[in-house]
Amino acid sequence: MRRAAVWSSVAFAQALKGESAMQSARRALDEVGLFEPAELTEDDATAFAEAGVRVGSVRWAAEQHVGSAVICGEA
């Protein structure tokens, strides 16, 4: 779960710089997809939810390239 959060942070930072975040965002999605929520402990479920929010925030980058203007609210 930590790797999913880290890769989503990397994707966000790349997008802010105007770089392609597609590969990092896909990696974040892959990492979060490795876990079965029903099999997690209560403590892990909290970490999983946090990772899910972080990955969800960069999911668009895995689907298409969007410029940093959209992230910064300039579009």
PDB file of N, CA and C in Angstrom:
ATOM      1  N   MET A   1       0.819  -1.182   0.000  1.00  0.00           N
ATOM      2  CA  MET A   1       0.000   0.000   0.000  1.00  0.00           C
ATOM      3  C   MET A   1       0.867   1.250   0.000  1.00  0.00           C
ATOM      4  N   ARG A   2       1.967   1.158   0.685  1.00  0.00           N
ATOM      5  CA  ARG A   2       2.885   2.304   0.719  1.00  0.00           C
ATOM      6  C   ARG A   2       3.406   2.602  -0.680  1.00  0.00           C
ATOM      7  N   ARG A   3       3.706   1.567  -1.447  1.00  0.00           N
ATOM      8  CA  ARG A   3       4.206   1.779  -2.809  1.00  0.00           C
ATOM      9  C   ARG A   3       3.164   2.465  -3.686  1.00  0.00           C
ATOM     10  N   ALA A   4       1.902   2.123  -3.504  1.00  0.00           N
ATOM     11  CA  ALA A   4       0.842   2.770  -4.276  1.00  0.00           C
ATOM     12  C   ALA A   4       0.786   4.258  -3.957  1.00  0.00           C
ATOM     13  N   ALA A   5       0.904   4.599  -2.681  1.00  0.00           N
ATOM     14  CA  ALA A   5       0.885   6.006  -2.274  1.00  0.00           C
ATOM     15  C   ALA A   5       2.096   6.755  -2.821  1.00  0.00           C
ATOM     16  N   VAL A   6       3.251   6.112  -2.784  1.00  0.00           N
ATOM     17  CA  VAL A   6       4.469   6.755  -3.285  1.00  0.00           C
ATOM     18  C   VAL A   6       4.376   6.982  -4.788  1.00  0.00           C
ATOM     19  N   TRP A   7       3.934   5.962  -5.538  1.00  0.00           N
ATOM     20  CA  TRP A   7       3.834   6.129  -6.991  1.00  0.00           C
ATOM     21  C   TRP A   7       2.805   7.189  -7.375  1.00  0.00           C
ATOM     22  N   SER A   8       1.743   7.311  -6.599  1.00  0.00           N
ATOM     23  CA  SER A   8       0.763   8.358  -6.904  1.00  0.00           C
ATOM     24  C   SER A   8       1.359   9.740  -6.632  1.00  0.00           C
ATOM     25  N   SER A   9       2.181   9.853  -5.607  1.00  0.00           N
ATOM     26  CA  SER A   9       2.866  11.119  -5.335  1.00  0.00           C
ATOM     27  C   SER A   9       3.850  11.463  -6.447  1.00  0.00           C
ATOM     28  N   VAL A  10       4.540  10.452  -6.947  1.00  0.00           N
ATOM     29  CA  VAL A  10       5.467  10.661  -8.062  1.00  0.00           C
ATOM     30  C   VAL A  10       4.704  11.135  -9.296  1.00  0.00           C
ATOM     31  N   ALA A  11       3.577  10.496  -9.587  1.00  0.00           N
ATOM     32  CA  ALA A  11       2.770  10.886 -10.750  1.00  0.00           C
ATOM     33  C   ALA A  11       2.283  12.325 -10.623  1.00  0.00           C
ATOM     34  N   PHE A  12       1.844  12.693  -9.449  1.00  0.00           N
ATOM     35  CA  PHE A  12       1.354  14.056  -9.230  1.00  0.00           C
ATOM     36  C   PHE A  12       2.478  15.073  -9.427  1.00  0.00           C
ATOM     37  N   ALA A  13       3.648  14.778  -8.880  1.00  0.00           N
ATOM     38  CA  ALA A  13       4.795  15.685  -9.022  1.00  0.00           C
ATOM     39  C   ALA A  13       5.204  15.815 -10.489  1.00  0.00           C
ATOM     40  N   GLN A  14       5.186  14.715 -11.218  1.00  0.00           N
ATOM     41  CA  GLN A  14       5.537  14.768 -12.638  1.00  0.00           C
ATOM     42  C   GLN A  14       4.540  15.627 -13.407  1.00  0.00           C
ATOM     43  N   ALA A  15       3.277  15.466 -13.122  1.00  0.00           N
ATOM     44  CA  ALA A  15       2.249  16.243 -13.815  1.00  0.00           C
ATOM     45  C   ALA A  15       2.398  17.735 -13.518  1.00  0.00           C
ATOM     46  N   LEU A  16       2.747  18.068 -12.282  1.00  0.00           N
ATOM     47  CA  LEU A  16       2.946  19.473 -11.939  1.00  0.00           C
ATOM     48  C   LEU A  16       4.097  20.098 -12.718  1.00  0.00           C
ATOM     49  N   LYS A  17       5.093  19.274 -13.046  1.00  0.00           N
ATOM     50  CA  LYS A  17       6.241  19.748 -13.816  1.00  0.00           C
ATOM     51  C   LYS A  17       5.961  19.760 -15.321  1.00  0.00           C
ATOM     52  N   GLY A  18       4.790  19.289 -15.705  1.00  0.00           N
ATOM     53  CA  GLY A  18       4.455  19.222 -17.116  1.00  0.00           C
ATOM     54  C   GLY A  18       4.985  17.977 -17.798  1.00  0.00           C
ATOM     55  N   GLU A  19       5.456  17.025 -17.021  1.00  0.00           N
ATOM     56  CA  GLU A  19       5.970  15.767 -17.547  1.00  0.00           C
ATOM     57  C   GLU A  19       4.838  14.750 -17.630  1.00  0.00           C
ATOM     58  N   SER A  20       5.047  13.723 -18.421  1.00  0.00           N
ATOM     59  CA  SER A  20       4.050  12.656 -18.512  1.00  0.00           C
ATOM     60  C   SER A  20       4.027  11.866 -17.203  1.00  0.00           C
ATOM     61  N   ALA A  21       2.851  11.716 -16.645  1.00  0.00           N
ATOM     62  CA  ALA A  21       2.689  10.977 -15.395  1.00  0.00           C
ATOM     63  C   ALA A  21       2.038   9.623 -15.643  1.00  0.00           C
ATOM     64  N   MET A  22       1.857   9.260 -16.893  1.00  0.00           N
ATOM     65  CA  MET A  22       1.122   8.051 -17.233  1.00  0.00           C
ATOM     66  C   MET A  22       1.748   6.798 -16.628  1.00  0.00           C
ATOM     67  N   GLN A  23       3.039   6.621 -16.782  1.00  0.00           N
ATOM     68  CA  GLN A  23       3.686   5.403 -16.298  1.00  0.00           C
ATOM     69  C   GLN A  23       3.624   5.308 -14.767  1.00  0.00           C
ATOM     70  N   SER A  24       3.865   6.398 -14.091  1.00  0.00           N
ATOM     71  CA  SER A  24       3.819   6.388 -12.621  1.00  0.00           C
ATOM     72  C   SER A  24       2.406   6.148 -12.116  1.00  0.00           C
ATOM     73  N   ALA A  25       1.428   6.750 -12.764  1.00  0.00           N
ATOM     74  CA  ALA A  25       0.034   6.560 -12.353  1.00  0.00           C
ATOM     75  C   ALA A  25      -0.404   5.117 -12.572  1.00  0.00           C
ATOM     76  N   ARG A  26       0.013   4.535 -13.680  1.00  0.00           N
ATOM     77  CA  ARG A  26      -0.320   3.128 -13.927  1.00  0.00           C
ATOM     78  C   ARG A  26       0.333   2.218 -12.891  1.00  0.00           C
ATOM     79  N   ARG A  27       1.543   2.560 -12.521  1.00  0.00           N
ATOM     80  CA  ARG A  27       2.242   1.778 -11.497  1.00  0.00           C
ATOM     81  C   ARG A  27       1.498   1.875 -10.163  1.00  0.00           C
ATOM     82  N   ALA A  28       1.014   3.068  -9.830  1.00  0.00           N
ATOM     83  CA  ALA A  28       0.241   3.246  -8.594  1.00  0.00           C
ATOM     84  C   ALA A  28      -1.032   2.402  -8.630  1.00  0.00           C
ATOM     85  N   LEU A  29      -1.722   2.415  -9.765  1.00  0.00           N
ATOM     86  CA  LEU A  29      -2.942   1.609  -9.903  1.00  0.00           C
ATOM     87  C   LEU A  29      -2.633   0.121  -9.770  1.00  0.00           C
ATOM     88  N   ASP A  30      -1.537  -0.306 -10.375  1.00  0.00           N
ATOM     89  CA  ASP A  30      -1.143  -1.713 -10.275  1.00  0.00           C
ATOM     90  C   ASP A  30      -0.859  -2.100  -8.826  1.00  0.00           C
ATOM     91  N   GLU A  31      -0.170  -1.237  -8.114  1.00  0.00           N
ATOM     92  CA  GLU A  31       0.185  -1.536  -6.720  1.00  0.00           C
ATOM     93  C   GLU A  31      -1.048  -1.643  -5.827  1.00  0.00           C
ATOM     94  N   VAL A  32      -1.979  -0.726  -5.979  1.00  0.00           N
ATOM     95  CA  VAL A  32      -3.174  -0.759  -5.125  1.00  0.00           C
ATOM     96  C   VAL A  32      -4.057  -1.943  -5.499  1.00  0.00           C
ATOM     97  N   GLY A  33      -3.968  -2.387  -6.738  1.00  0.00           N
ATOM     98  CA  GLY A  33      -4.763  -3.522  -7.183  1.00  0.00           C
ATOM     99  C   GLY A  33      -4.264  -4.870  -6.686  1.00  0.00           C
ATOM    100  N   LEU A  34      -3.117  -4.907  -6.049  1.00  0.00           N
ATOM    101  CA  LEU A  34      -2.557  -6.157  -5.540  1.00  0.00           C
ATOM    102  C   LEU A  34      -3.241  -6.643  -4.268  1.00  0.00           C
ATOM    103  N   PHE A  35      -4.032  -5.791  -3.645  1.00  0.00           N
ATOM    104  CA  PHE A  35      -4.622  -6.127  -2.350  1.00  0.00           C
ATOM    105  C   PHE A  35      -6.092  -6.454  -2.478  1.00  0.00           C
ATOM    106  N   GLU A  36      -6.526  -7.412  -1.693  1.00  0.00           N
ATOM    107  CA  GLU A  36      -7.936  -7.777  -1.597  1.00  0.00           C
ATOM    108  C   GLU A  36      -8.473  -7.134  -0.314  1.00  0.00           C
ATOM    109  N   PRO A  37      -9.327  -6.109  -0.450  1.00  0.00           N
ATOM    110  CA  PRO A  37      -9.798  -5.382   0.741  1.00  0.00           C
ATOM    111  C   PRO A  37     -10.416  -6.278   1.820  1.00  0.00           C
ATOM    112  N   ALA A  38     -11.100  -7.325   1.436  1.00  0.00           N
ATOM    113  CA  ALA A  38     -11.758  -8.199   2.419  1.00  0.00           C
ATOM    114  C   ALA A  38     -10.748  -8.960   3.277  1.00  0.00           C
ATOM    115  N   GLU A  39      -9.519  -9.095   2.814  1.00  0.00           N
ATOM    116  CA  GLU A  39      -8.507  -9.849   3.545  1.00  0.00           C
ATOM    117  C   GLU A  39      -7.633  -8.976   4.448  1.00  0.00           C
ATOM    118  N   LEU A  40      -7.878  -7.685   4.474  1.00  0.00           N
ATOM    119  CA  LEU A  40      -7.049  -6.774   5.257  1.00  0.00           C
ATOM    120  C   LEU A  40      -7.516  -6.694   6.699  1.00  0.00           C
ATOM    121  N   THR A  41      -6.568  -6.455   7.600  1.00  0.00           N
ATOM    122  CA  THR A  41      -6.924  -6.206   8.993  1.00  0.00           C
ATOM    123  C   THR A  41      -7.512  -4.799   9.098  1.00  0.00           C
ATOM    124  N   GLU A  42      -8.031  -4.470  10.239  1.00  0.00           N
ATOM    125  CA  GLU A  42      -8.630  -3.145  10.427  1.00  0.00           C
ATOM    126  C   GLU A  42      -7.596  -2.032  10.238  1.00  0.00           C
ATOM    127  N   ASP A  43      -6.394  -2.245  10.772  1.00  0.00           N
ATOM    128  CA  ASP A  43      -5.330  -1.251  10.614  1.00  0.00           C
ATOM    129  C   ASP A  43      -4.921  -1.114   9.151  1.00  0.00           C
ATOM    130  N   ASP A  44      -4.823  -2.246   8.474  1.00  0.00           N
ATOM    131  CA  ASP A  44      -4.457  -2.217   7.059  1.00  0.00           C
ATOM    132  C   ASP A  44      -5.559  -1.590   6.206  1.00  0.00           C
ATOM    133  N   ALA A  45      -6.796  -1.754   6.604  1.00  0.00           N
ATOM    134  CA  ALA A  45      -7.911  -1.187   5.851  1.00  0.00           C
ATOM    135  C   ALA A  45      -7.823   0.335   5.822  1.00  0.00           C
ATOM    136  N   THR A  46      -7.369   0.936   6.895  1.00  0.00           N
ATOM    137  CA  THR A  46      -7.193   2.386   6.939  1.00  0.00           C
ATOM    138  C   THR A  46      -6.098   2.816   5.969  1.00  0.00           C
ATOM    139  N   ALA A  47      -4.993   2.109   5.967  1.00  0.00           N
ATOM    140  CA  ALA A  47      -3.894   2.414   5.043  1.00  0.00           C
ATOM    141  C   ALA A  47      -4.332   2.187   3.604  1.00  0.00           C
ATOM    142  N   PHE A  48      -5.129   1.153   3.375  1.00  0.00           N
ATOM    143  CA  PHE A  48      -5.631   0.859   2.034  1.00  0.00           C
ATOM    144  C   PHE A  48      -6.547   1.983   1.547  1.00  0.00           C
ATOM    145  N   ALA A  49      -7.398   2.479   2.427  1.00  0.00           N
ATOM    146  CA  ALA A  49      -8.293   3.573   2.061  1.00  0.00           C
ATOM    147  C   ALA A  49      -7.499   4.828   1.712  1.00  0.00           C
ATOM    148  N   GLU A  50      -6.467   5.124   2.478  1.00  0.00           N
ATOM    149  CA  GLU A  50      -5.628   6.287   2.194  1.00  0.00           C
ATOM    150  C   GLU A  50      -4.918   6.123   0.849  1.00  0.00           C
ATOM    151  N   ALA A  51      -4.382   4.935   0.603  1.00  0.00           N
ATOM    152  CA  ALA A  51      -3.711   4.677  -0.678  1.00  0.00           C
ATOM    153  C   ALA A  51      -4.707   4.801  -1.826  1.00  0.00           C
ATOM    154  N   GLY A  52      -5.917   4.329  -1.617  1.00  0.00           N
ATOM    155  CA  GLY A  52      -6.949   4.428  -2.646  1.00  0.00           C
ATOM    156  C   GLY A  52      -7.286   5.860  -3.008  1.00  0.00           C
ATOM    157  N   VAL A  53      -7.349   6.724  -2.017  1.00  0.00           N
ATOM    158  CA  VAL A  53      -7.620   8.143  -2.265  1.00  0.00           C
ATOM    159  C   VAL A  53      -6.475   8.769  -3.047  1.00  0.00           C
ATOM    160  N   ARG A  54      -5.260   8.469  -2.655  1.00  0.00           N
ATOM    161  CA  ARG A  54      -4.093   9.024  -3.348  1.00  0.00           C
ATOM    162  C   ARG A  54      -4.026   8.543  -4.800  1.00  0.00           C
ATOM    163  N   VAL A  55      -4.240   7.264  -4.992  1.00  0.00           N
ATOM    164  CA  VAL A  55      -4.193   6.708  -6.345  1.00  0.00           C
ATOM    165  C   VAL A  55      -5.354   7.243  -7.177  1.00  0.00           C
ATOM    166  N   GLY A  56      -6.507   7.371  -6.564  1.00  0.00           N
ATOM    167  CA  GLY A  56      -7.664   7.904  -7.275  1.00  0.00           C
ATOM    168  C   GLY A  56      -7.449   9.321  -7.776  1.00  0.00           C
ATOM    169  N   SER A  57      -6.632  10.069  -7.057  1.00  0.00           N
ATOM    170  CA  SER A  57      -6.392  11.453  -7.449  1.00  0.00           C
ATOM    171  C   SER A  57      -5.516  11.584  -8.688  1.00  0.00           C
ATOM    172  N   VAL A  58      -4.796  10.524  -9.044  1.00  0.00           N
ATOM    173  CA  VAL A  58      -3.951  10.565 -10.247  1.00  0.00           C
ATOM    174  C   VAL A  58      -4.394   9.540 -11.290  1.00  0.00           C
ATOM    175  N   ARG A  59      -5.542   8.954 -11.082  1.00  0.00           N
ATOM    176  CA  ARG A  59      -6.035   7.925 -12.009  1.00  0.00           C
ATOM    177  C   ARG A  59      -6.149   8.441 -13.436  1.00  0.00           C
ATOM    178  N   TRP A  60      -6.550   9.687 -13.577  1.00  0.00           N
ATOM    179  CA  TRP A  60      -6.687  10.295 -14.908  1.00  0.00           C
ATOM    180  C   TRP A  60      -5.383  10.218 -15.693  1.00  0.00           C
ATOM    181  N   ALA A  61      -4.255  10.284 -14.997  1.00  0.00           N
ATOM    182  CA  ALA A  61      -2.954  10.272 -15.668  1.00  0.00           C
ATOM    183  C   ALA A  61      -2.662   8.910 -16.297  1.00  0.00           C
ATOM    184  N   ALA A  62      -3.228   7.859 -15.744  1.00  0.00           N
ATOM    185  CA  ALA A  62      -3.023   6.532 -16.297  1.00  0.00           C
ATOM    186  C   ALA A  62      -3.817   6.343 -17.588  1.00  0.00           C
ATOM    187  N   GLU A  63      -4.858   7.144 -17.746  1.00  0.00           N
ATOM    188  CA  GLU A  63      -5.734   7.000 -18.903  1.00  0.00           C
ATOM    189  C   GLU A  63      -5.337   7.894 -20.063  1.00  0.00           C
ATOM    190  N   GLN A  64      -4.842   9.069 -19.768  1.00  0.00           N
ATOM    191  CA  GLN A  64      -4.458   9.991 -20.824  1.00  0.00           C
ATOM    192  C   GLN A  64      -3.514  11.042 -20.267  1.00  0.00           C
ATOM    193  N   HIS A  65      -2.799  11.702 -21.154  1.00  0.00           N
ATOM    194  CA  HIS A  65      -1.884  12.760 -20.732  1.00  0.00           C
ATOM    195  C   HIS A  65      -2.678  14.061 -20.615  1.00  0.00           C
ATOM    196  N   VAL A  66      -2.602  14.677 -19.450  1.00  0.00           N
ATOM    197  CA  VAL A  66      -3.253  15.948 -19.203  1.00  0.00           C
ATOM    198  C   VAL A  66      -2.200  16.913 -18.728  1.00  0.00           C
ATOM    199  N   GLY A  67      -2.196  18.119 -19.252  1.00  0.00           N
ATOM    200  CA  GLY A  67      -1.193  19.102 -18.882  1.00  0.00           C
ATOM    201  C   GLY A  67      -1.326  19.556 -17.442  1.00  0.00           C
ATOM    202  N   SER A  68      -0.282  20.190 -16.943  1.00  0.00           N
ATOM    203  CA  SER A  68      -0.280  20.639 -15.553  1.00  0.00           C
ATOM    204  C   SER A  68      -1.274  21.766 -15.313  1.00  0.00           C
ATOM    205  N   ALA A  69      -1.739  22.423 -16.369  1.00  0.00           N
ATOM    206  CA  ALA A  69      -2.708  23.504 -16.189  1.00  0.00           C
ATOM    207  C   ALA A  69      -3.999  22.972 -15.576  1.00  0.00           C
ATOM    208  N   VAL A  70      -4.379  21.765 -15.914  1.00  0.00           N
ATOM    209  CA  VAL A  70      -5.598  21.187 -15.355  1.00  0.00           C
ATOM    210  C   VAL A  70      -5.424  20.927 -13.868  1.00  0.00           C
ATOM    211  N   ILE A  71      -4.260  20.433 -13.464  1.00  0.00           N
ATOM    212  CA  ILE A  71      -4.007  20.161 -12.058  1.00  0.00           C
ATOM    213  C   ILE A  71      -4.001  21.438 -11.252  1.00  0.00           C
ATOM    214  N   CYS A  72      -3.431  22.484 -11.801  1.00  0.00           N
ATOM    215  CA  CYS A  72      -3.316  23.742 -11.077  1.00  0.00           C
ATOM    216  C   CYS A  72      -4.588  24.559 -11.138  1.00  0.00           C
ATOM    217  N   GLY A  73      -5.611  24.071 -11.830  1.00  0.00           N
ATOM    218  CA  GLY A  73      -6.872  24.784 -11.911  1.00  0.00           C
ATOM    219  C   GLY A  73      -6.868  25.919 -12.909  1.00  0.00           C
ATOM    220  N   GLU A  74      -5.944  25.902 -13.839  1.00  0.00           N
ATOM    221  CA  GLU A  74      -5.837  26.983 -14.819  1.00  0.00           C
ATOM    222  C   GLU A  74      -6.625  26.690 -16.078  1.00  0.00           C
ATOM    223  N   ALA A  75      -7.152  25.490 -16.219  1.00  0.00           N
ATOM    224  CA  ALA A  75      -7.869  25.139 -17.456  1.00  0.00           C
ATOM    225  C   ALA A  75      -9.335  25.459 -17.358  1.00  0.00           C
TER     226      ALA A  75
END
